[in-house]
């Protein structure tokens, strides 16, 4: 049986951006920060909405295995830290070519740095 803590941190399909129009809307109307091995684009969602995530890994990142690894690393980093967001956002993460060769810890640090620079995270005392 899943605990309450693990249930809150899930990233079900409903919380993912899936349509091209959703990605385009966030990338055109939102803000952007590039950090290390990723680029983060985001747009605010109405209060009370759940944060949503979309991940892009182009062929420049590598072959299919490398692109899938990049997507998994970005999704997992977001999943673990989604509860720290100040307000709900639609977030599009774009993998840069060095990402698949990086460790999870480095990818997580880059994501947190991008979210901090965008002032999207709660300050931890």
PDB file of N, CA and C in Angstrom:
ATOM      1  N   UNK A   1       0.842  -1.179   0.000  1.00  0.00           N
ATOM      2  CA  UNK A   1       0.000   0.000   0.000  1.00  0.00           C
ATOM      3  C   UNK A   1       0.882   1.235   0.000  1.00  0.00           C
ATOM      4  N   UNK A   2       0.555   2.220  -0.831  1.00  0.00           N
ATOM      5  CA  UNK A   2       1.334   3.449  -0.948  1.00  0.00           C
ATOM      6  C   UNK A   2       1.057   4.366   0.236  1.00  0.00           C
ATOM      7  N   UNK A   3       2.102   5.014   0.685  1.00  0.00           N
ATOM      8  CA  UNK A   3       1.937   5.970   1.776  1.00  0.00           C
ATOM      9  C   UNK A   3       1.450   7.294   1.207  1.00  0.00           C
ATOM     10  N   UNK A   4       0.960   8.145   2.076  1.00  0.00           N
ATOM     11  CA  UNK A   4       0.460   9.453   1.644  1.00  0.00           C
ATOM     12  C   UNK A   4       1.572  10.261   1.012  1.00  0.00           C
ATOM     13  N   UNK A   5       2.791  10.182   1.578  1.00  0.00           N
ATOM     14  CA  UNK A   5       3.905  10.953   1.072  1.00  0.00           C
ATOM     15  C   UNK A   5       4.261  10.551  -0.356  1.00  0.00           C
ATOM     16  N   UNK A   6       4.300   9.252  -0.643  1.00  0.00           N
ATOM     17  CA  UNK A   6       4.638   8.815  -1.991  1.00  0.00           C
ATOM     18  C   UNK A   6       3.503   9.101  -2.972  1.00  0.00           C
ATOM     19  N   UNK A   7       2.265   9.131  -2.512  1.00  0.00           N
ATOM     20  CA  UNK A   7       1.133   9.427  -3.381  1.00  0.00           C
ATOM     21  C   UNK A   7       1.185  10.878  -3.849  1.00  0.00           C
ATOM     22  N   UNK A   8       1.559  11.778  -2.966  1.00  0.00           N
ATOM     23  CA  UNK A   8       1.625  13.194  -3.312  1.00  0.00           C
ATOM     24  C   UNK A   8       2.696  13.477  -4.350  1.00  0.00           C
ATOM     25  N   UNK A   9       3.722  12.665  -4.384  1.00  0.00           N
ATOM     26  CA  UNK A   9       4.845  12.926  -5.272  1.00  0.00           C
ATOM     27  C   UNK A   9       4.746  12.219  -6.606  1.00  0.00           C
ATOM     28  N   UNK A  10       3.650  11.550  -6.866  1.00  0.00           N
ATOM     29  CA  UNK A  10       3.495  10.851  -8.136  1.00  0.00           C
ATOM     30  C   UNK A  10       3.436  11.851  -9.288  1.00  0.00           C
ATOM     31  N   UNK A  11       3.695  11.366 -10.484  1.00  0.00           N
ATOM     32  CA  UNK A  11       3.584  12.197 -11.677  1.00  0.00           C
ATOM     33  C   UNK A  11       2.743  11.444 -12.705  1.00  0.00           C
ATOM     34  N   UNK A  12       1.420  11.416 -12.482  1.00  0.00           N
ATOM     35  CA  UNK A  12       0.558  10.680 -13.411  1.00  0.00           C
ATOM     36  C   UNK A  12       0.481  11.357 -14.776  1.00  0.00           C
ATOM     37  N   UNK A  13      -0.035  10.660 -15.737  1.00  0.00           N
ATOM     38  CA  UNK A  13      -0.144  11.190 -17.097  1.00  0.00           C
ATOM     39  C   UNK A  13      -0.909  12.506 -17.166  1.00  0.00           C
ATOM     40  N   UNK A  14      -1.893  12.673 -16.299  1.00  0.00           N
ATOM     41  CA  UNK A  14      -2.698  13.892 -16.318  1.00  0.00           C
ATOM     42  C   UNK A  14      -1.862  15.119 -15.967  1.00  0.00           C
ATOM     43  N   UNK A  15      -0.719  14.919 -15.334  1.00  0.00           N
ATOM     44  CA  UNK A  15       0.150  16.036 -14.956  1.00  0.00           C
ATOM     45  C   UNK A  15       1.267  16.266 -15.960  1.00  0.00           C
ATOM     46  N   UNK A  16       1.168  15.639 -17.108  1.00  0.00           N
ATOM     47  CA  UNK A  16       2.178  15.830 -18.146  1.00  0.00           C
ATOM     48  C   UNK A  16       1.588  16.629 -19.297  1.00  0.00           C
ATOM     49  N   UNK A  17       2.411  17.461 -19.902  1.00  0.00           N
ATOM     50  CA  UNK A  17       2.013  18.145 -21.128  1.00  0.00           C
ATOM     51  C   UNK A  17       2.202  17.135 -22.251  1.00  0.00           C
ATOM     52  N   UNK A  18       1.183  16.994 -23.090  1.00  0.00           N
ATOM     53  CA  UNK A  18       1.277  15.973 -24.130  1.00  0.00           C
ATOM     54  C   UNK A  18       1.031  16.523 -25.527  1.00  0.00           C
ATOM     55  N   UNK A  19       0.289  17.597 -25.632  1.00  0.00           N
ATOM     56  CA  UNK A  19      -0.048  18.132 -26.953  1.00  0.00           C
ATOM     57  C   UNK A  19       0.973  19.176 -27.405  1.00  0.00           C
ATOM     58  N   UNK A  20       1.216  19.215 -28.695  1.00  0.00           N
ATOM     59  CA  UNK A  20       2.142  20.185 -29.257  1.00  0.00           C
ATOM     60  C   UNK A  20       1.711  21.606 -28.914  1.00  0.00           C
ATOM     61  N   UNK A  21       0.408  21.857 -28.917  1.00  0.00           N
ATOM     62  CA  UNK A  21      -0.099  23.195 -28.616  1.00  0.00           C
ATOM     63  C   UNK A  21       0.217  23.597 -27.173  1.00  0.00           C
ATOM     64  N   UNK A  22       0.195  22.630 -26.238  1.00  0.00           N
ATOM     65  CA  UNK A  22       0.534  22.934 -24.841  1.00  0.00           C
ATOM     66  C   UNK A  22       2.005  23.311 -24.712  1.00  0.00           C
ATOM     67  N   UNK A  23       2.867  22.563 -25.394  1.00  0.00           N
ATOM     68  CA  UNK A  23       4.295  22.873 -25.382  1.00  0.00           C
ATOM     69  C   UNK A  23       4.542  24.250 -25.994  1.00  0.00           C
ATOM     70  N   UNK A  24       3.909  24.521 -27.138  1.00  0.00           N
ATOM     71  CA  UNK A  24       4.113  25.785 -27.832  1.00  0.00           C
ATOM     72  C   UNK A  24       3.648  26.966 -26.989  1.00  0.00           C
ATOM     73  N   UNK A  25       2.530  26.811 -26.317  1.00  0.00           N
ATOM     74  CA  UNK A  25       1.993  27.877 -25.478  1.00  0.00           C
ATOM     75  C   UNK A  25       2.966  28.234 -24.352  1.00  0.00           C
ATOM     76  N   UNK A  26       3.515  27.229 -23.697  1.00  0.00           N
ATOM     77  CA  UNK A  26       4.458  27.470 -22.600  1.00  0.00           C
ATOM     78  C   UNK A  26       5.739  28.099 -23.136  1.00  0.00           C
ATOM     79  N   UNK A  27       6.234  27.605 -24.246  1.00  0.00           N
ATOM     80  CA  UNK A  27       7.499  28.120 -24.784  1.00  0.00           C
ATOM     81  C   UNK A  27       7.353  29.539 -25.320  1.00  0.00           C
ATOM     82  N   UNK A  28       6.188  29.903 -25.847  1.00  0.00           N
ATOM     83  CA  UNK A  28       6.007  31.239 -26.413  1.00  0.00           C
ATOM     84  C   UNK A  28       5.597  32.266 -25.371  1.00  0.00           C
ATOM     85  N   UNK A  29       4.696  31.899 -24.482  1.00  0.00           N
ATOM     86  CA  UNK A  29       4.146  32.862 -23.528  1.00  0.00           C
ATOM     87  C   UNK A  29       4.858  32.868 -22.189  1.00  0.00           C
ATOM     88  N   UNK A  30       5.673  31.861 -21.928  1.00  0.00           N
ATOM     89  CA  UNK A  30       6.283  31.719 -20.610  1.00  0.00           C
ATOM     90  C   UNK A  30       7.660  32.344 -20.517  1.00  0.00           C
ATOM     91  N   UNK A  31       8.322  32.065 -19.397  1.00  0.00           N
ATOM     92  CA  UNK A  31       9.675  32.541 -19.154  1.00  0.00           C
ATOM     93  C   UNK A  31      10.658  31.403 -19.384  1.00  0.00           C
ATOM     94  N   UNK A  32      11.967  31.747 -19.456  1.00  0.00           N
ATOM     95  CA  UNK A  32      12.978  30.760 -19.832  1.00  0.00           C
ATOM     96  C   UNK A  32      14.250  30.965 -19.026  1.00  0.00           C
ATOM     97  N   UNK A  33      14.863  29.845 -18.589  1.00  0.00           N
ATOM     98  CA  UNK A  33      16.163  29.858 -17.916  1.00  0.00           C
ATOM     99  C   UNK A  33      16.958  28.662 -18.419  1.00  0.00           C
ATOM    100  N   UNK A  34      18.226  28.885 -18.758  1.00  0.00           N
ATOM    101  CA  UNK A  34      19.114  27.798 -19.166  1.00  0.00           C
ATOM    102  C   UNK A  34      20.155  27.595 -18.072  1.00  0.00           C
ATOM    103  N   UNK A  35      20.293  26.358 -17.616  1.00  0.00           N
ATOM    104  CA  UNK A  35      21.267  26.008 -16.576  1.00  0.00           C
ATOM    105  C   UNK A  35      21.897  24.672 -16.914  1.00  0.00           C
ATOM    106  N   UNK A  36      23.210  24.649 -17.021  1.00  0.00           N
ATOM    107  CA  UNK A  36      23.922  23.386 -17.213  1.00  0.00           C
ATOM    108  C   UNK A  36      23.416  22.575 -18.382  1.00  0.00           C
ATOM    109  N   UNK A  37      22.852  21.421 -18.084  1.00  0.00           N
ATOM    110  CA  UNK A  37      22.469  20.470 -19.119  1.00  0.00           C
ATOM    111  C   UNK A  37      20.987  20.553 -19.496  1.00  0.00           C
ATOM    112  N   UNK A  38      20.296  21.644 -19.110  1.00  0.00           N
ATOM    113  CA  UNK A  38      18.876  21.743 -19.456  1.00  0.00           C
ATOM    114  C   UNK A  38      18.439  23.193 -19.626  1.00  0.00           C
ATOM    115  N   UNK A  39      17.308  23.341 -20.283  1.00  0.00           N
ATOM    116  CA  UNK A  39      16.642  24.629 -20.432  1.00  0.00           C
ATOM    117  C   UNK A  39      15.241  24.456 -19.861  1.00  0.00           C
ATOM    118  N   UNK A  40      14.827  25.398 -19.009  1.00  0.00           N
ATOM    119  CA  UNK A  40      13.496  25.334 -18.395  1.00  0.00           C
ATOM    120  C   UNK A  40      12.647  26.482 -18.918  1.00  0.00           C
ATOM    121  N   UNK A  41      11.467  26.154 -19.416  1.00  0.00           N
ATOM    122  CA  UNK A  41      10.462  27.137 -19.827  1.00  0.00           C
ATOM    123  C   UNK A  41       9.249  26.902 -18.948  1.00  0.00           C
ATOM    124  N   UNK A  42       8.618  27.982 -18.476  1.00  0.00           N
ATOM    125  CA  UNK A  42       7.440  27.789 -17.642  1.00  0.00           C
ATOM    126  C   UNK A  42       6.446  28.915 -17.835  1.00  0.00           C
ATOM    127  N   UNK A  43       5.192  28.590 -17.529  1.00  0.00           N
ATOM    128  CA  UNK A  43       4.095  29.554 -17.543  1.00  0.00           C
ATOM    129  C   UNK A  43       3.225  29.252 -16.330  1.00  0.00           C
ATOM    130  N   UNK A  44       2.713  30.294 -15.710  1.00  0.00           N
ATOM    131  CA  UNK A  44       1.886  30.130 -14.508  1.00  0.00           C
ATOM    132  C   UNK A  44       0.561  29.456 -14.861  1.00  0.00           C
ATOM    133  N   UNK A  45       0.066  28.673 -13.922  1.00  0.00           N
ATOM    134  CA  UNK A  45      -1.247  28.052 -14.041  1.00  0.00           C
ATOM    135  C   UNK A  45      -2.166  28.685 -12.996  1.00  0.00           C
ATOM    136  N   UNK A  46      -3.472  28.536 -13.133  1.00  0.00           N
ATOM    137  CA  UNK A  46      -4.391  29.102 -12.139  1.00  0.00           C
ATOM    138  C   UNK A  46      -4.140  28.516 -10.746  1.00  0.00           C
ATOM    139  N   UNK A  47      -4.383  29.307  -9.693  1.00  0.00           N
ATOM    140  CA  UNK A  47      -4.199  28.797  -8.327  1.00  0.00           C
ATOM    141  C   UNK A  47      -5.054  27.547  -8.104  1.00  0.00           C
ATOM    142  N   UNK A  48      -4.488  26.597  -7.406  1.00  0.00           N
ATOM    143  CA  UNK A  48      -5.206  25.355  -7.119  1.00  0.00           C
ATOM    144  C   UNK A  48      -4.978  24.262  -8.154  1.00  0.00           C
ATOM    145  N   UNK A  49      -4.408  24.626  -9.294  1.00  0.00           N
ATOM    146  CA  UNK A  49      -4.120  23.618 -10.320  1.00  0.00           C
ATOM    147  C   UNK A  49      -2.870  22.835  -9.922  1.00  0.00           C
ATOM    148  N   UNK A  50      -2.724  21.657 -10.477  1.00  0.00           N
ATOM    149  CA  UNK A  50      -1.535  20.844 -10.233  1.00  0.00           C
ATOM    150  C   UNK A  50      -0.451  21.243 -11.229  1.00  0.00           C
ATOM    151  N   UNK A  51       0.822  21.213 -10.808  1.00  0.00           N
ATOM    152  CA  UNK A  51       1.893  21.514 -11.766  1.00  0.00           C
ATOM    153  C   UNK A  51       1.918  20.467 -12.872  1.00  0.00           C
ATOM    154  N   UNK A  52       2.298  20.908 -14.075  1.00  0.00           N
ATOM    155  CA  UNK A  52       2.361  20.000 -15.223  1.00  0.00           C
ATOM    156  C   UNK A  52       3.749  20.065 -15.830  1.00  0.00           C
ATOM    157  N   UNK A  53       4.199  18.949 -16.392  1.00  0.00           N
ATOM    158  CA  UNK A  53       5.550  18.848 -16.926  1.00  0.00           C
ATOM    159  C   UNK A  53       5.534  18.301 -18.341  1.00  0.00           C
ATOM    160  N   UNK A  54       6.395  18.866 -19.164  1.00  0.00           N
ATOM    161  CA  UNK A  54       6.661  18.349 -20.496  1.00  0.00           C
ATOM    162  C   UNK A  54       8.162  18.281 -20.679  1.00  0.00           C
ATOM    163  N   UNK A  55       8.651  17.257 -21.347  1.00  0.00           N
ATOM    164  CA  UNK A  55      10.087  17.072 -21.541  1.00  0.00           C
ATOM    165  C   UNK A  55      10.373  16.932 -23.032  1.00  0.00           C
ATOM    166  N   UNK A  56      11.413  17.629 -23.493  1.00  0.00           N
ATOM    167  CA  UNK A  56      11.836  17.560 -24.890  1.00  0.00           C
ATOM    168  C   UNK A  56      13.281  17.090 -24.931  1.00  0.00           C
ATOM    169  N   UNK A  57      13.546  16.072 -25.726  1.00  0.00           N
ATOM    170  CA  UNK A  57      14.913  15.592 -25.954  1.00  0.00           C
ATOM    171  C   UNK A  57      15.049  15.363 -27.460  1.00  0.00           C
ATOM    172  N   UNK A  58      15.733  16.257 -28.136  1.00  0.00           N
ATOM    173  CA  UNK A  58      15.867  16.167 -29.589  1.00  0.00           C
ATOM    174  C   UNK A  58      16.966  15.181 -29.970  1.00  0.00           C
ATOM    175  N   UNK A  59      17.120  14.943 -31.242  1.00  0.00           N
ATOM    176  CA  UNK A  59      18.143  14.008 -31.717  1.00  0.00           C
ATOM    177  C   UNK A  59      19.549  14.525 -31.442  1.00  0.00           C
ATOM    178  N   UNK A  60      19.696  15.819 -31.207  1.00  0.00           N
ATOM    179  CA  UNK A  60      21.010  16.369 -30.868  1.00  0.00           C
ATOM    180  C   UNK A  60      21.523  15.793 -29.550  1.00  0.00           C
ATOM    181  N   UNK A  61      20.604  15.334 -28.695  1.00  0.00           N
ATOM    182  CA  UNK A  61      20.970  14.747 -27.402  1.00  0.00           C
ATOM    183  C   UNK A  61      21.638  13.393 -27.608  1.00  0.00           C
ATOM    184  N   UNK A  62      21.251  12.677 -28.638  1.00  0.00           N
ATOM    185  CA  UNK A  62      21.841  11.367 -28.919  1.00  0.00           C
ATOM    186  C   UNK A  62      20.818  10.434 -29.526  1.00  0.00           C
ATOM    187  N   UNK A  63      21.145   9.156 -29.512  1.00  0.00           N
ATOM    188  CA  UNK A  63      20.243   8.141 -30.048  1.00  0.00           C
ATOM    189  C   UNK A  63      19.048   7.931 -29.132  1.00  0.00           C
ATOM    190  N   UNK A  64      18.223   6.979 -29.476  1.00  0.00           N
ATOM    191  CA  UNK A  64      16.988   6.735 -28.730  1.00  0.00           C
ATOM    192  C   UNK A  64      17.257   6.409 -27.261  1.00  0.00           C
ATOM    193  N   UNK A  65      18.271   5.627 -26.999  1.00  0.00           N
ATOM    194  CA  UNK A  65      18.586   5.248 -25.618  1.00  0.00           C
ATOM    195  C   UNK A  65      18.982   6.486 -24.813  1.00  0.00           C
ATOM    196  N   UNK A  66      19.810   7.334 -25.386  1.00  0.00           N
ATOM    197  CA  UNK A  66      20.256   8.555 -24.701  1.00  0.00           C
ATOM    198  C   UNK A  66      19.091   9.512 -24.478  1.00  0.00           C
ATOM    199  N   UNK A  67      18.225   9.652 -25.477  1.00  0.00           N
ATOM    200  CA  UNK A  67      17.061  10.551 -25.333  1.00  0.00           C
ATOM    201  C   UNK A  67      16.122  10.041 -24.253  1.00  0.00           C
ATOM    202  N   UNK A  68      15.878   8.737 -24.210  1.00  0.00           N
ATOM    203  CA  UNK A  68      15.009   8.176 -23.183  1.00  0.00           C
ATOM    204  C   UNK A  68      15.615   8.354 -21.791  1.00  0.00           C
ATOM    205  N   UNK A  69      16.920   8.164 -21.658  1.00  0.00           N
ATOM    206  CA  UNK A  69      17.586   8.388 -20.367  1.00  0.00           C
ATOM    207  C   UNK A  69      17.449   9.843 -19.940  1.00  0.00           C
ATOM    208  N   UNK A  70      17.631  10.759 -20.879  1.00  0.00           N
ATOM    209  CA  UNK A  70      17.503  12.185 -20.575  1.00  0.00           C
ATOM    210  C   UNK A  70      16.091  12.504 -20.081  1.00  0.00           C
ATOM    211  N   UNK A  71      15.092  11.971 -20.762  1.00  0.00           N
ATOM    212  CA  UNK A  71      13.702  12.212 -20.344  1.00  0.00           C
ATOM    213  C   UNK A  71      13.423  11.626 -18.960  1.00  0.00           C
ATOM    214  N   UNK A  72      13.909  10.423 -18.708  1.00  0.00           N
ATOM    215  CA  UNK A  72      13.705   9.789 -17.389  1.00  0.00           C
ATOM    216  C   UNK A  72      14.355  10.601 -16.281  1.00  0.00           C
ATOM    217  N   UNK A  73      15.584  11.060 -16.505  1.00  0.00           N
ATOM    218  CA  UNK A  73      16.283  11.849 -15.491  1.00  0.00           C
ATOM    219  C   UNK A  73      15.548  13.152 -15.192  1.00  0.00           C
ATOM    220  N   UNK A  74      15.082  13.836 -16.221  1.00  0.00           N
ATOM    221  CA  UNK A  74      14.373  15.103 -16.016  1.00  0.00           C
ATOM    222  C   UNK A  74      13.030  14.888 -15.317  1.00  0.00           C
ATOM    223  N   UNK A  75      12.286  13.867 -15.737  1.00  0.00           N
ATOM    224  CA  UNK A  75      10.997  13.588 -15.094  1.00  0.00           C
ATOM    225  C   UNK A  75      11.159  13.243 -13.611  1.00  0.00           C
ATOM    226  N   UNK A  76      12.145  12.417 -13.305  1.00  0.00           N
ATOM    227  CA  UNK A  76      12.354  12.005 -11.921  1.00  0.00           C
ATOM    228  C   UNK A  76      12.812  13.185 -11.062  1.00  0.00           C
ATOM    229  N   UNK A  77      13.676  14.035 -11.588  1.00  0.00           N
ATOM    230  CA  UNK A  77      14.114  15.221 -10.842  1.00  0.00           C
ATOM    231  C   UNK A  77      12.923  16.106 -10.521  1.00  0.00           C
ATOM    232  N   UNK A  78      12.067  16.330 -11.513  1.00  0.00           N
ATOM    233  CA  UNK A  78      10.880  17.154 -11.281  1.00  0.00           C
ATOM    234  C   UNK A  78       9.936  16.485 -10.289  1.00  0.00           C
ATOM    235  N   UNK A  79       9.730  15.184 -10.450  1.00  0.00           N
ATOM    236  CA  UNK A  79       8.801  14.467  -9.581  1.00  0.00           C
ATOM    237  C   UNK A  79       9.188  14.608  -8.113  1.00  0.00           C
ATOM    238  N   UNK A  80      10.467  14.519  -7.823  1.00  0.00           N
ATOM    239  CA  UNK A  80      10.926  14.596  -6.438  1.00  0.00           C
ATOM    240  C   UNK A  80      10.788  15.998  -5.836  1.00  0.00           C
ATOM    241  N   UNK A  81      10.794  17.020  -6.678  1.00  0.00           N
ATOM    242  CA  UNK A  81      10.804  18.396  -6.162  1.00  0.00           C
ATOM    243  C   UNK A  81       9.552  19.199  -6.510  1.00  0.00           C
ATOM    244  N   UNK A  82       8.561  18.579  -7.105  1.00  0.00           N
ATOM    245  CA  UNK A  82       7.356  19.305  -7.501  1.00  0.00           C
ATOM    246  C   UNK A  82       6.624  19.912  -6.315  1.00  0.00           C
ATOM    247  N   UNK A  83       6.728  19.290  -5.152  1.00  0.00           N
ATOM    248  CA  UNK A  83       6.042  19.790  -3.959  1.00  0.00           C
ATOM    249  C   UNK A  83       6.685  21.062  -3.412  1.00  0.00           C
ATOM    250  N   UNK A  84       7.875  21.418  -3.889  1.00  0.00           N
ATOM    251  CA  UNK A  84       8.563  22.618  -3.416  1.00  0.00           C
ATOM    252  C   UNK A  84       8.227  23.863  -4.243  1.00  0.00           C
ATOM    253  N   UNK A  85       7.426  23.721  -5.272  1.00  0.00           N
ATOM    254  CA  UNK A  85       7.082  24.873  -6.123  1.00  0.00           C
ATOM    255  C   UNK A  85       6.198  25.853  -5.360  1.00  0.00           C
ATOM    256  N   UNK A  86       6.437  27.141  -5.555  1.00  0.00           N
ATOM    257  CA  UNK A  86       5.639  28.184  -4.897  1.00  0.00           C
ATOM    258  C   UNK A  86       4.213  28.213  -5.420  1.00  0.00           C
ATOM    259  N   UNK A  87       4.078  28.112  -6.719  1.00  0.00           N
ATOM    260  CA  UNK A  87       2.770  28.188  -7.361  1.00  0.00           C
ATOM    261  C   UNK A  87       2.734  27.159  -8.488  1.00  0.00           C
ATOM    262  N   UNK A  88       1.554  26.746  -8.887  1.00  0.00           N
ATOM    263  CA  UNK A  88       1.483  25.766  -9.980  1.00  0.00           C
ATOM    264  C   UNK A  88       1.958  26.373 -11.301  1.00  0.00           C
ATOM    265  N   UNK A  89       2.756  25.614 -12.021  1.00  0.00           N
ATOM    266  CA  UNK A  89       3.276  26.056 -13.314  1.00  0.00           C
ATOM    267  C   UNK A  89       3.192  24.920 -14.316  1.00  0.00           C
ATOM    268  N   UNK A  90       3.140  25.297 -15.575  1.00  0.00           N
ATOM    269  CA  UNK A  90       3.332  24.348 -16.664  1.00  0.00           C
ATOM    270  C   UNK A  90       4.801  24.499 -17.036  1.00  0.00           C
ATOM    271  N   UNK A  91       5.570  23.432 -16.914  1.00  0.00           N
ATOM    272  CA  UNK A  91       7.014  23.483 -17.081  1.00  0.00           C
ATOM    273  C   UNK A  91       7.430  22.592 -18.246  1.00  0.00           C
ATOM    274  N   UNK A  92       8.224  23.164 -19.151  1.00  0.00           N
ATOM    275  CA  UNK A  92       8.797  22.401 -20.257  1.00  0.00           C
ATOM    276  C   UNK A  92      10.302  22.374 -20.048  1.00  0.00           C
ATOM    277  N   UNK A  93      10.848  21.171 -19.910  1.00  0.00           N
ATOM    278  CA  UNK A  93      12.286  20.996 -19.744  1.00  0.00           C
ATOM    279  C   UNK A  93      12.863  20.479 -21.049  1.00  0.00           C
ATOM    280  N   UNK A  94      13.920  21.132 -21.520  1.00  0.00           N
ATOM    281  CA  UNK A  94      14.569  20.750 -22.762  1.00  0.00           C
ATOM    282  C   UNK A  94      15.962  20.230 -22.432  1.00  0.00           C
ATOM    283  N   UNK A  95      16.237  19.002 -22.823  1.00  0.00           N
ATOM    284  CA  UNK A  95      17.538  18.383 -22.558  1.00  0.00           C
ATOM    285  C   UNK A  95      18.568  18.936 -23.538  1.00  0.00           C
ATOM    286  N   UNK A  96      19.753  19.224 -23.016  1.00  0.00           N
ATOM    287  CA  UNK A  96      20.880  19.624 -23.849  1.00  0.00           C
ATOM    288  C   UNK A  96      21.778  18.398 -24.057  1.00  0.00           C
ATOM    289  N   UNK A  97      22.604  18.401 -25.100  1.00  0.00           N
ATOM    290  CA  UNK A  97      23.399  17.212 -25.431  1.00  0.00           C
ATOM    291  C   UNK A  97      24.207  16.567 -24.303  1.00  0.00           C
ATOM    292  N   UNK A  98      24.798  17.280 -23.340  1.00  0.00           N
ATOM    293  CA  UNK A  98      25.577  16.533 -22.344  1.00  0.00           C
ATOM    294  C   UNK A  98      24.732  15.810 -21.298  1.00  0.00           C
ATOM    295  N   UNK A  99      23.423  15.998 -21.280  1.00  0.00           N
ATOM    296  CA  UNK A  99      22.595  15.465 -20.210  1.00  0.00           C
ATOM    297  C   UNK A  99      22.660  13.943 -20.044  1.00  0.00           C
ATOM    298  N   UNK A 100      22.565  13.136 -21.079  1.00  0.00           N
ATOM    299  CA  UNK A 100      22.541  11.680 -20.863  1.00  0.00           C
ATOM    300  C   UNK A 100      23.801  11.140 -20.186  1.00  0.00           C
ATOM    301  N   UNK A 101      24.922  11.822 -20.328  1.00  0.00           N
ATOM    302  CA  UNK A 101      26.157  11.334 -19.715  1.00  0.00           C
ATOM    303  C   UNK A 101      26.322  11.821 -18.276  1.00  0.00           C
ATOM    304  N   UNK A 102      25.419  12.658 -17.812  1.00  0.00           N
ATOM    305  CA  UNK A 102      25.497  13.196 -16.459  1.00  0.00           C
ATOM    306  C   UNK A 102      24.809  12.261 -15.469  1.00  0.00           C
ATOM    307  N   UNK A 103      25.219  12.355 -14.208  1.00  0.00           N
ATOM    308  CA  UNK A 103      24.579  11.554 -13.167  1.00  0.00           C
ATOM    309  C   UNK A 103      23.265  12.214 -12.769  1.00  0.00           C
ATOM    310  N   UNK A 104      22.440  11.446 -12.063  1.00  0.00           N
ATOM    311  CA  UNK A 104      21.161  11.981 -11.606  1.00  0.00           C
ATOM    312  C   UNK A 104      21.378  13.188 -10.697  1.00  0.00           C
ATOM    313  N   UNK A 105      22.375  13.136  -9.831  1.00  0.00           N
ATOM    314  CA  UNK A 105      22.642  14.227  -8.888  1.00  0.00           C
ATOM    315  C   UNK A 105      22.953  15.535  -9.623  1.00  0.00           C
ATOM    316  N   UNK A 106      23.699  15.464 -10.710  1.00  0.00           N
ATOM    317  CA  UNK A 106      24.049  16.663 -11.476  1.00  0.00           C
ATOM    318  C   UNK A 106      22.808  17.221 -12.167  1.00  0.00           C
ATOM    319  N   UNK A 107      22.011  16.353 -12.754  1.00  0.00           N
ATOM    320  CA  UNK A 107      20.777  16.791 -13.420  1.00  0.00           C
ATOM    321  C   UNK A 107      19.841  17.444 -12.398  1.00  0.00           C
ATOM    322  N   UNK A 108      19.725  16.830 -11.238  1.00  0.00           N
ATOM    323  CA  UNK A 108      18.875  17.372 -10.172  1.00  0.00           C
ATOM    324  C   UNK A 108      19.371  18.747  -9.728  1.00  0.00           C
ATOM    325  N   UNK A 109      20.678  18.913  -9.571  1.00  0.00           N
ATOM    326  CA  UNK A 109      21.243  20.211  -9.190  1.00  0.00           C
ATOM    327  C   UNK A 109      20.959  21.265 -10.249  1.00  0.00           C
ATOM    328  N   UNK A 110      21.104  20.914 -11.519  1.00  0.00           N
ATOM    329  CA  UNK A 110      20.823  21.865 -12.599  1.00  0.00           C
ATOM    330  C   UNK A 110      19.353  22.274 -12.608  1.00  0.00           C
ATOM    331  N   UNK A 111      18.454  21.314 -12.397  1.00  0.00           N
ATOM    332  CA  UNK A 111      17.031  21.629 -12.353  1.00  0.00           C
ATOM    333  C   UNK A 111      16.724  22.565 -11.187  1.00  0.00           C
ATOM    334  N   UNK A 112      17.244  22.248 -10.003  1.00  0.00           N
ATOM    335  CA  UNK A 112      16.993  23.093  -8.835  1.00  0.00           C
ATOM    336  C   UNK A 112      17.577  24.492  -9.033  1.00  0.00           C
ATOM    337  N   UNK A 113      18.755  24.589  -9.652  1.00  0.00           N
ATOM    338  CA  UNK A 113      19.357  25.892  -9.920  1.00  0.00           C
ATOM    339  C   UNK A 113      18.481  26.712 -10.873  1.00  0.00           C
ATOM    340  N   UNK A 114      17.943  26.056 -11.899  1.00  0.00           N
ATOM    341  CA  UNK A 114      17.066  26.746 -12.851  1.00  0.00           C
ATOM    342  C   UNK A 114      15.784  27.210 -12.163  1.00  0.00           C
ATOM    343  N   UNK A 115      15.202  26.351 -11.327  1.00  0.00           N
ATOM    344  CA  UNK A 115      13.968  26.717 -10.626  1.00  0.00           C
ATOM    345  C   UNK A 115      14.220  27.838  -9.618  1.00  0.00           C
ATOM    346  N   UNK A 116      15.378  27.819  -8.962  1.00  0.00           N
ATOM    347  CA  UNK A 116      15.712  28.909  -8.032  1.00  0.00           C
ATOM    348  C   UNK A 116      15.895  30.221  -8.776  1.00  0.00           C
ATOM    349  N   UNK A 117      16.603  30.169  -9.903  1.00  0.00           N
ATOM    350  CA  UNK A 117      16.829  31.393 -10.673  1.00  0.00           C
ATOM    351  C   UNK A 117      15.511  31.981 -11.169  1.00  0.00           C
ATOM    352  N   UNK A 118      14.574  31.123 -11.488  1.00  0.00           N
ATOM    353  CA  UNK A 118      13.253  31.584 -11.907  1.00  0.00           C
ATOM    354  C   UNK A 118      12.348  31.928 -10.756  1.00  0.00           C
ATOM    355  N   UNK A 119      12.852  31.802  -9.527  1.00  0.00           N
ATOM    356  CA  UNK A 119      12.109  32.099  -8.293  1.00  0.00           C
ATOM    357  C   UNK A 119      10.815  31.272  -8.211  1.00  0.00           C
ATOM    358  N   UNK A 120      10.951  29.999  -8.551  1.00  0.00           N
ATOM    359  CA  UNK A 120       9.804  29.098  -8.532  1.00  0.00           C
ATOM    360  C   UNK A 120       9.752  28.228  -7.279  1.00  0.00           C
ATOM    361  N   UNK A 121      10.842  28.180  -6.518  1.00  0.00           N
ATOM    362  CA  UNK A 121      10.906  27.310  -5.348  1.00  0.00           C
ATOM    363  C   UNK A 121      10.691  28.080  -4.049  1.00  0.00           C
ATOM    364  N   UNK A 122      10.106  27.393  -3.073  1.00  0.00           N
ATOM    365  CA  UNK A 122      10.018  27.933  -1.718  1.00  0.00           C
ATOM    366  C   UNK A 122      11.424  27.995  -1.149  1.00  0.00           C
ATOM    367  N   UNK A 123      11.732  29.036  -0.410  1.00  0.00           N
ATOM    368  CA  UNK A 123      13.030  29.121   0.264  1.00  0.00           C
ATOM    369  C   UNK A 123      13.024  28.198   1.465  1.00  0.00           C
ATOM    370  N   UNK A 124      14.050  27.381   1.587  1.00  0.00           N
ATOM    371  CA  UNK A 124      14.159  26.455   2.710  1.00  0.00           C
ATOM    372  C   UNK A 124      15.055  27.105   3.760  1.00  0.00           C
ATOM    373  N   UNK A 125      14.534  27.196   4.987  1.00  0.00           N
ATOM    374  CA  UNK A 125      15.296  27.858   6.054  1.00  0.00           C
ATOM    375  C   UNK A 125      16.293  26.930   6.679  1.00  0.00           C
TER     376      UNK A 125
END
